[in-house]
């Protein structure tokens, strides 16, 4: 299983904090694509180029490999001053 977490505006748009998915995906991008197909809010929240991903609490590119037991977190870029 993969544990999927959502933070900040991403979580607000889809109304979900976390979920579990089977370990049938090989990259974080495949996970993102799968989730974006769940509907309009999901697609907006997980829009490619406007989302960051952390795998096991390390910021990674979307094309990074994922393995069974991984924690994958999606969140918008952080800005501030």
PDB file of N, CA and C in Angstrom:
ATOM      1  N   UNK A   1       0.831  -1.185   0.000  1.00  0.00           N
ATOM      2  CA  UNK A   1       0.000   0.000   0.000  1.00  0.00           C
ATOM      3  C   UNK A   1       0.879   1.254   0.000  1.00  0.00           C
ATOM      4  N   UNK A   2       0.314   2.313  -0.582  1.00  0.00           N
ATOM      5  CA  UNK A   2       0.918   3.636  -0.545  1.00  0.00           C
ATOM      6  C   UNK A   2       0.024   4.516   0.324  1.00  0.00           C
ATOM      7  N   UNK A   3       0.625   5.306   1.181  1.00  0.00           N
ATOM      8  CA  UNK A   3      -0.114   6.280   1.971  1.00  0.00           C
ATOM      9  C   UNK A   3       0.006   7.621   1.267  1.00  0.00           C
ATOM     10  N   UNK A   4      -1.115   8.232   0.925  1.00  0.00           N
ATOM     11  CA  UNK A   4      -1.134   9.492   0.211  1.00  0.00           C
ATOM     12  C   UNK A   4      -1.656  10.570   1.151  1.00  0.00           C
ATOM     13  N   UNK A   5      -0.894  11.654   1.296  1.00  0.00           N
ATOM     14  CA  UNK A   5      -1.265  12.770   2.159  1.00  0.00           C
ATOM     15  C   UNK A   5      -1.458  14.029   1.321  1.00  0.00           C
ATOM     16  N   UNK A   6      -2.357  14.894   1.765  1.00  0.00           N
ATOM     17  CA  UNK A   6      -2.627  16.150   1.074  1.00  0.00           C
ATOM     18  C   UNK A   6      -2.537  17.283   2.088  1.00  0.00           C
ATOM     19  N   UNK A   7      -1.916  18.394   1.669  1.00  0.00           N
ATOM     20  CA  UNK A   7      -1.713  19.518   2.574  1.00  0.00           C
ATOM     21  C   UNK A   7      -2.155  20.831   1.944  1.00  0.00           C
ATOM     22  N   UNK A   8      -2.463  21.792   2.812  1.00  0.00           N
ATOM     23  CA  UNK A   8      -2.765  23.177   2.448  1.00  0.00           C
ATOM     24  C   UNK A   8      -3.918  23.253   1.450  1.00  0.00           C
ATOM     25  N   UNK A   9      -3.777  24.084   0.422  1.00  0.00           N
ATOM     26  CA  UNK A   9      -4.848  24.296  -0.546  1.00  0.00           C
ATOM     27  C   UNK A   9      -5.235  23.001  -1.262  1.00  0.00           C
ATOM     28  N   UNK A  10      -4.288  22.123  -1.466  1.00  0.00           N
ATOM     29  CA  UNK A  10      -4.592  20.836  -2.103  1.00  0.00           C
ATOM     30  C   UNK A  10      -5.639  20.088  -1.290  1.00  0.00           C
ATOM     31  N   UNK A  11      -5.432  20.008   0.001  1.00  0.00           N
ATOM     32  CA  UNK A  11      -6.374  19.330   0.901  1.00  0.00           C
ATOM     33  C   UNK A  11      -7.720  20.057   0.922  1.00  0.00           C
ATOM     34  N   UNK A  12      -7.682  21.379   0.937  1.00  0.00           N
ATOM     35  CA  UNK A  12      -8.921  22.160   0.971  1.00  0.00           C
ATOM     36  C   UNK A  12      -9.760  21.938  -0.289  1.00  0.00           C
ATOM     37  N   UNK A  13      -9.122  21.866  -1.450  1.00  0.00           N
ATOM     38  CA  UNK A  13      -9.843  21.695  -2.707  1.00  0.00           C
ATOM     39  C   UNK A  13     -10.536  20.334  -2.816  1.00  0.00           C
ATOM     40  N   UNK A  14      -9.860  19.287  -2.329  1.00  0.00           N
ATOM     41  CA  UNK A  14     -10.434  17.946  -2.490  1.00  0.00           C
ATOM     42  C   UNK A  14     -11.178  17.460  -1.250  1.00  0.00           C
ATOM     43  N   UNK A  15     -10.961  18.112  -0.116  1.00  0.00           N
ATOM     44  CA  UNK A  15     -11.666  17.739   1.103  1.00  0.00           C
ATOM     45  C   UNK A  15     -11.221  16.422   1.705  1.00  0.00           C
ATOM     46  N   UNK A  16      -9.977  16.031   1.426  1.00  0.00           N
ATOM     47  CA  UNK A  16      -9.455  14.759   1.930  1.00  0.00           C
ATOM     48  C   UNK A  16      -8.063  15.005   2.529  1.00  0.00           C
ATOM     49  N   UNK A  17      -7.822  14.462   3.722  1.00  0.00           N
ATOM     50  CA  UNK A  17      -6.508  14.589   4.362  1.00  0.00           C
ATOM     51  C   UNK A  17      -5.533  13.525   3.876  1.00  0.00           C
ATOM     52  N   UNK A  18      -6.048  12.301   3.729  1.00  0.00           N
ATOM     53  CA  UNK A  18      -5.176  11.184   3.354  1.00  0.00           C
ATOM     54  C   UNK A  18      -6.013  10.051   2.794  1.00  0.00           C
ATOM     55  N   UNK A  19      -5.332   9.155   2.108  1.00  0.00           N
ATOM     56  CA  UNK A  19      -5.957   7.933   1.622  1.00  0.00           C
ATOM     57  C   UNK A  19      -4.885   6.902   1.357  1.00  0.00           C
ATOM     58  N   UNK A  20      -5.294   5.682   1.154  1.00  0.00           N
ATOM     59  CA  UNK A  20      -4.368   4.588   0.843  1.00  0.00           C
ATOM     60  C   UNK A  20      -4.669   4.080  -0.557  1.00  0.00           C
ATOM     61  N   UNK A  21      -3.616   3.781  -1.295  1.00  0.00           N
ATOM     62  CA  UNK A  21      -3.740   3.211  -2.636  1.00  0.00           C
ATOM     63  C   UNK A  21      -2.909   1.945  -2.722  1.00  0.00           C
ATOM     64  N   UNK A  22      -3.299   1.024  -3.582  1.00  0.00           N
ATOM     65  CA  UNK A  22      -2.469  -0.161  -3.777  1.00  0.00           C
ATOM     66  C   UNK A  22      -1.122   0.229  -4.376  1.00  0.00           C
ATOM     67  N   UNK A  23      -0.144  -0.595  -4.186  1.00  0.00           N
ATOM     68  CA  UNK A  23       1.213  -0.323  -4.653  1.00  0.00           C
ATOM     69  C   UNK A  23       1.396  -0.701  -6.116  1.00  0.00           C
ATOM     70  N   UNK A  24       0.443  -0.352  -6.966  1.00  0.00           N
ATOM     71  CA  UNK A  24       0.528  -0.715  -8.378  1.00  0.00           C
ATOM     72  C   UNK A  24       1.138   0.395  -9.231  1.00  0.00           C
ATOM     73  N   UNK A  25       1.488   1.518  -8.612  1.00  0.00           N
ATOM     74  CA  UNK A  25       2.067   2.644  -9.333  1.00  0.00           C
ATOM     75  C   UNK A  25       3.584   2.607  -9.209  1.00  0.00           C
ATOM     76  N   UNK A  26       4.267   3.059 -10.253  1.00  0.00           N
ATOM     77  CA  UNK A  26       5.727   3.038 -10.206  1.00  0.00           C
ATOM     78  C   UNK A  26       6.340   4.416  -9.987  1.00  0.00           C
ATOM     79  N   UNK A  27       5.570   5.493 -10.245  1.00  0.00           N
ATOM     80  CA  UNK A  27       6.086   6.851 -10.025  1.00  0.00           C
ATOM     81  C   UNK A  27       5.029   7.706  -9.325  1.00  0.00           C
ATOM     82  N   UNK A  28       5.491   8.783  -8.716  1.00  0.00           N
ATOM     83  CA  UNK A  28       4.576   9.731  -8.097  1.00  0.00           C
ATOM     84  C   UNK A  28       3.688  10.372  -9.159  1.00  0.00           C
ATOM     85  N   UNK A  29       4.200  10.556 -10.358  1.00  0.00           N
ATOM     86  CA  UNK A  29       3.408  11.129 -11.446  1.00  0.00           C
ATOM     87  C   UNK A  29       2.233  10.218 -11.803  1.00  0.00           C
ATOM     88  N   UNK A  30       2.430   8.923 -11.798  1.00  0.00           N
ATOM     89  CA  UNK A  30       1.324   7.997 -12.066  1.00  0.00           C
ATOM     90  C   UNK A  30       0.249   8.115 -10.984  1.00  0.00           C
ATOM     91  N   UNK A  31       0.674   8.287  -9.751  1.00  0.00           N
ATOM     92  CA  UNK A  31      -0.273   8.477  -8.655  1.00  0.00           C
ATOM     93  C   UNK A  31      -1.039   9.780  -8.875  1.00  0.00           C
ATOM     94  N   UNK A  32      -0.317  10.860  -9.198  1.00  0.00           N
ATOM     95  CA  UNK A  32      -0.955  12.150  -9.445  1.00  0.00           C
ATOM     96  C   UNK A  32      -1.989  12.046 -10.563  1.00  0.00           C
ATOM     97  N   UNK A  33      -1.620  11.413 -11.667  1.00  0.00           N
ATOM     98  CA  UNK A  33      -2.538  11.263 -12.799  1.00  0.00           C
ATOM     99  C   UNK A  33      -3.785  10.475 -12.398  1.00  0.00           C
ATOM    100  N   UNK A  34      -3.581   9.383 -11.683  1.00  0.00           N
ATOM    101  CA  UNK A  34      -4.704   8.551 -11.232  1.00  0.00           C
ATOM    102  C   UNK A  34      -5.668   9.364 -10.370  1.00  0.00           C
ATOM    103  N   UNK A  35      -5.132  10.111  -9.431  1.00  0.00           N
ATOM    104  CA  UNK A  35      -5.984  10.892  -8.536  1.00  0.00           C
ATOM    105  C   UNK A  35      -6.666  12.042  -9.273  1.00  0.00           C
ATOM    106  N   UNK A  36      -5.977  12.666 -10.224  1.00  0.00           N
ATOM    107  CA  UNK A  36      -6.559  13.777 -10.989  1.00  0.00           C
ATOM    108  C   UNK A  36      -7.775  13.339 -11.799  1.00  0.00           C
ATOM    109  N   UNK A  37      -7.860  12.055 -12.101  1.00  0.00           N
ATOM    110  CA  UNK A  37      -9.001  11.526 -12.854  1.00  0.00           C
ATOM    111  C   UNK A  37     -10.261  11.372 -12.001  1.00  0.00           C
ATOM    112  N   UNK A  38     -10.160  11.633 -10.692  1.00  0.00           N
ATOM    113  CA  UNK A  38     -11.299  11.468  -9.796  1.00  0.00           C
ATOM    114  C   UNK A  38     -12.338  12.581  -9.955  1.00  0.00           C
ATOM    115  N   UNK A  39     -11.989  13.659 -10.647  1.00  0.00           N
ATOM    116  CA  UNK A  39     -12.965  14.729 -10.842  1.00  0.00           C
ATOM    117  C   UNK A  39     -12.314  16.087 -10.967  1.00  0.00           C
ATOM    118  N   UNK A  40     -13.161  17.071 -11.195  1.00  0.00           N
ATOM    119  CA  UNK A  40     -12.690  18.431 -11.463  1.00  0.00           C
ATOM    120  C   UNK A  40     -11.873  19.023 -10.312  1.00  0.00           C
ATOM    121  N   UNK A  41     -12.352  18.847  -9.075  1.00  0.00           N
ATOM    122  CA  UNK A  41     -11.609  19.396  -7.935  1.00  0.00           C
ATOM    123  C   UNK A  41     -10.248  18.716  -7.779  1.00  0.00           C
ATOM    124  N   UNK A  42     -10.225  17.427  -7.997  1.00  0.00           N
ATOM    125  CA  UNK A  42      -8.968  16.684  -7.909  1.00  0.00           C
ATOM    126  C   UNK A  42      -7.999  17.157  -8.996  1.00  0.00           C
ATOM    127  N   UNK A  43      -8.509  17.345 -10.200  1.00  0.00           N
ATOM    128  CA  UNK A  43      -7.668  17.786 -11.314  1.00  0.00           C
ATOM    129  C   UNK A  43      -7.086  19.165 -11.016  1.00  0.00           C
ATOM    130  N   UNK A  44      -7.898  20.068 -10.502  1.00  0.00           N
ATOM    131  CA  UNK A  44      -7.433  21.409 -10.165  1.00  0.00           C
ATOM    132  C   UNK A  44      -6.399  21.361  -9.036  1.00  0.00           C
ATOM    133  N   UNK A  45      -6.674  20.584  -8.007  1.00  0.00           N
ATOM    134  CA  UNK A  45      -5.783  20.496  -6.848  1.00  0.00           C
ATOM    135  C   UNK A  45      -4.441  19.867  -7.197  1.00  0.00           C
ATOM    136  N   UNK A  46      -4.436  18.951  -8.165  1.00  0.00           N
ATOM    137  CA  UNK A  46      -3.216  18.201  -8.500  1.00  0.00           C
ATOM    138  C   UNK A  46      -2.679  18.557  -9.884  1.00  0.00           C
ATOM    139  N   UNK A  47      -2.933  19.792 -10.316  1.00  0.00           N
ATOM    140  CA  UNK A  47      -2.503  20.229 -11.643  1.00  0.00           C
ATOM    141  C   UNK A  47      -0.984  20.171 -11.776  1.00  0.00           C
ATOM    142  N   UNK A  48      -0.536  19.484 -12.804  1.00  0.00           N
ATOM    143  CA  UNK A  48       0.899  19.329 -13.043  1.00  0.00           C
ATOM    144  C   UNK A  48       1.519  20.702 -13.246  1.00  0.00           C
ATOM    145  N   UNK A  49       2.665  20.915 -12.658  1.00  0.00           N
ATOM    146  CA  UNK A  49       3.345  22.195 -12.738  1.00  0.00           C
ATOM    147  C   UNK A  49       2.969  23.133 -11.601  1.00  0.00           C
ATOM    148  N   UNK A  50       1.915  22.779 -10.859  1.00  0.00           N
ATOM    149  CA  UNK A  50       1.462  23.613  -9.747  1.00  0.00           C
ATOM    150  C   UNK A  50       1.382  22.829  -8.451  1.00  0.00           C
ATOM    151  N   UNK A  51       2.071  21.699  -8.420  1.00  0.00           N
ATOM    152  CA  UNK A  51       2.014  20.823  -7.248  1.00  0.00           C
ATOM    153  C   UNK A  51       3.416  20.300  -6.946  1.00  0.00           C
ATOM    154  N   UNK A  52       3.710  20.146  -5.681  1.00  0.00           N
ATOM    155  CA  UNK A  52       4.973  19.540  -5.258  1.00  0.00           C
ATOM    156  C   UNK A  52       4.673  18.192  -4.632  1.00  0.00           C
ATOM    157  N   UNK A  53       5.681  17.325  -4.617  1.00  0.00           N
ATOM    158  CA  UNK A  53       5.506  16.009  -4.016  1.00  0.00           C
ATOM    159  C   UNK A  53       6.702  15.705  -3.106  1.00  0.00           C
ATOM    160  N   UNK A  54       6.389  15.099  -1.984  1.00  0.00           N
ATOM    161  CA  UNK A  54       7.424  14.580  -1.090  1.00  0.00           C
ATOM    162  C   UNK A  54       7.181  13.080  -0.948  1.00  0.00           C
ATOM    163  N   UNK A  55       8.249  12.331  -1.069  1.00  0.00           N
ATOM    164  CA  UNK A  55       8.180  10.883  -0.881  1.00  0.00           C
ATOM    165  C   UNK A  55       8.968  10.564   0.376  1.00  0.00           C
ATOM    166  N   UNK A  56       8.288   9.990   1.345  1.00  0.00           N
ATOM    167  CA  UNK A  56       8.901   9.693   2.645  1.00  0.00           C
ATOM    168  C   UNK A  56       9.556  10.937   3.239  1.00  0.00           C
ATOM    169  N   UNK A  57       8.835  12.049   3.148  1.00  0.00           N
ATOM    170  CA  UNK A  57       9.196  13.337   3.738  1.00  0.00           C
ATOM    171  C   UNK A  57      10.412  13.991   3.101  1.00  0.00           C
ATOM    172  N   UNK A  58      10.715  13.617   1.849  1.00  0.00           N
ATOM    173  CA  UNK A  58      11.797  14.251   1.095  1.00  0.00           C
ATOM    174  C   UNK A  58      11.222  14.787  -0.204  1.00  0.00           C
ATOM    175  N   UNK A  59      11.419  16.075  -0.455  1.00  0.00           N
ATOM    176  CA  UNK A  59      10.936  16.688  -1.688  1.00  0.00           C
ATOM    177  C   UNK A  59      11.598  16.010  -2.879  1.00  0.00           C
ATOM    178  N   UNK A  60      10.766  15.574  -3.844  1.00  0.00           N
ATOM    179  CA  UNK A  60      11.263  14.801  -4.983  1.00  0.00           C
ATOM    180  C   UNK A  60      10.583  15.285  -6.267  1.00  0.00           C
ATOM    181  N   UNK A  61      11.196  14.999  -7.433  1.00  0.00           N
ATOM    182  CA  UNK A  61      10.508  15.264  -8.702  1.00  0.00           C
ATOM    183  C   UNK A  61       9.334  14.300  -8.874  1.00  0.00           C
ATOM    184  N   UNK A  62       8.323  14.730  -9.630  1.00  0.00           N
ATOM    185  CA  UNK A  62       7.147  13.884  -9.847  1.00  0.00           C
ATOM    186  C   UNK A  62       7.476  12.556 -10.523  1.00  0.00           C
ATOM    187  N   UNK A  63       8.542  12.513 -11.309  1.00  0.00           N
ATOM    188  CA  UNK A  63       8.872  11.269 -12.006  1.00  0.00           C
ATOM    189  C   UNK A  63       9.669  10.290 -11.132  1.00  0.00           C
ATOM    190  N   UNK A  64       9.770  10.587  -9.834  1.00  0.00           N
ATOM    191  CA  UNK A  64      10.494   9.702  -8.915  1.00  0.00           C
ATOM    192  C   UNK A  64       9.733   8.405  -8.689  1.00  0.00           C
ATOM    193  N   UNK A  65      10.478   7.338  -8.487  1.00  0.00           N
ATOM    194  CA  UNK A  65       9.890   6.018  -8.239  1.00  0.00           C
ATOM    195  C   UNK A  65       9.246   5.967  -6.861  1.00  0.00           C
ATOM    196  N   UNK A  66       8.175   5.187  -6.768  1.00  0.00           N
ATOM    197  CA  UNK A  66       7.539   4.913  -5.481  1.00  0.00           C
ATOM    198  C   UNK A  66       7.506   3.408  -5.271  1.00  0.00           C
ATOM    199  N   UNK A  67       7.540   3.018  -4.003  1.00  0.00           N
ATOM    200  CA  UNK A  67       7.561   1.602  -3.637  1.00  0.00           C
ATOM    201  C   UNK A  67       6.515   1.325  -2.569  1.00  0.00           C
ATOM    202  N   UNK A  68       6.142   0.077  -2.442  1.00  0.00           N
ATOM    203  CA  UNK A  68       5.191  -0.333  -1.410  1.00  0.00           C
ATOM    204  C   UNK A  68       5.639   0.211  -0.059  1.00  0.00           C
ATOM    205  N   UNK A  69       4.696   0.761   0.692  1.00  0.00           N
ATOM    206  CA  UNK A  69       4.986   1.295   2.014  1.00  0.00           C
ATOM    207  C   UNK A  69       5.376   2.759   2.020  1.00  0.00           C
ATOM    208  N   UNK A  70       5.561   3.370   0.850  1.00  0.00           N
ATOM    209  CA  UNK A  70       5.966   4.776   0.788  1.00  0.00           C
ATOM    210  C   UNK A  70       4.826   5.696   1.218  1.00  0.00           C
ATOM    211  N   UNK A  71       5.219   6.838   1.765  1.00  0.00           N
ATOM    212  CA  UNK A  71       4.299   7.920   2.072  1.00  0.00           C
ATOM    213  C   UNK A  71       4.520   8.999   1.015  1.00  0.00           C
ATOM    214  N   UNK A  72       3.458   9.367   0.321  1.00  0.00           N
ATOM    215  CA  UNK A  72       3.544  10.352  -0.748  1.00  0.00           C
ATOM    216  C   UNK A  72       2.668  11.534  -0.368  1.00  0.00           C
ATOM    217  N   UNK A  73       3.268  12.713  -0.287  1.00  0.00           N
ATOM    218  CA  UNK A  73       2.529  13.912   0.108  1.00  0.00           C
ATOM    219  C   UNK A  73       2.483  14.887  -1.057  1.00  0.00           C
ATOM    220  N   UNK A  74       1.285  15.402  -1.340  1.00  0.00           N
ATOM    221  CA  UNK A  74       1.098  16.414  -2.367  1.00  0.00           C
ATOM    222  C   UNK A  74       0.735  17.731  -1.700  1.00  0.00           C
ATOM    223  N   UNK A  75       1.349  18.829  -2.173  1.00  0.00           N
ATOM    224  CA  UNK A  75       1.091  20.145  -1.593  1.00  0.00           C
ATOM    225  C   UNK A  75       1.479  21.226  -2.600  1.00  0.00           C
ATOM    226  N   UNK A  76       0.873  22.410  -2.465  1.00  0.00           N
ATOM    227  CA  UNK A  76       1.210  23.498  -3.375  1.00  0.00           C
ATOM    228  C   UNK A  76       2.565  24.095  -3.001  1.00  0.00           C
ATOM    229  N   UNK A  77       3.192  24.797  -3.946  1.00  0.00           N
ATOM    230  CA  UNK A  77       4.443  25.492  -3.591  1.00  0.00           C
ATOM    231  C   UNK A  77       4.188  26.473  -2.452  1.00  0.00           C
ATOM    232  N   UNK A  78       5.142  26.617  -1.578  1.00  0.00           N
ATOM    233  CA  UNK A  78       5.022  27.483  -0.424  1.00  0.00           C
ATOM    234  C   UNK A  78       5.642  28.829  -0.741  1.00  0.00           C
ATOM    235  N   UNK A  79       4.917  29.892  -0.417  1.00  0.00           N
ATOM    236  CA  UNK A  79       5.465  31.237  -0.577  1.00  0.00           C
ATOM    237  C   UNK A  79       5.292  31.975   0.735  1.00  0.00           C
ATOM    238  N   UNK A  80       6.015  33.007   0.891  1.00  0.00           N
ATOM    239  CA  UNK A  80       5.890  33.795   2.111  1.00  0.00           C
ATOM    240  C   UNK A  80       6.947  34.877   2.153  1.00  0.00           C
ATOM    241  N   UNK A  81       6.922  35.618   3.199  1.00  0.00           N
ATOM    242  CA  UNK A  81       7.868  36.728   3.251  1.00  0.00           C
ATOM    243  C   UNK A  81       8.397  36.970   4.608  1.00  0.00           C
TER     244      UNK A  81
END
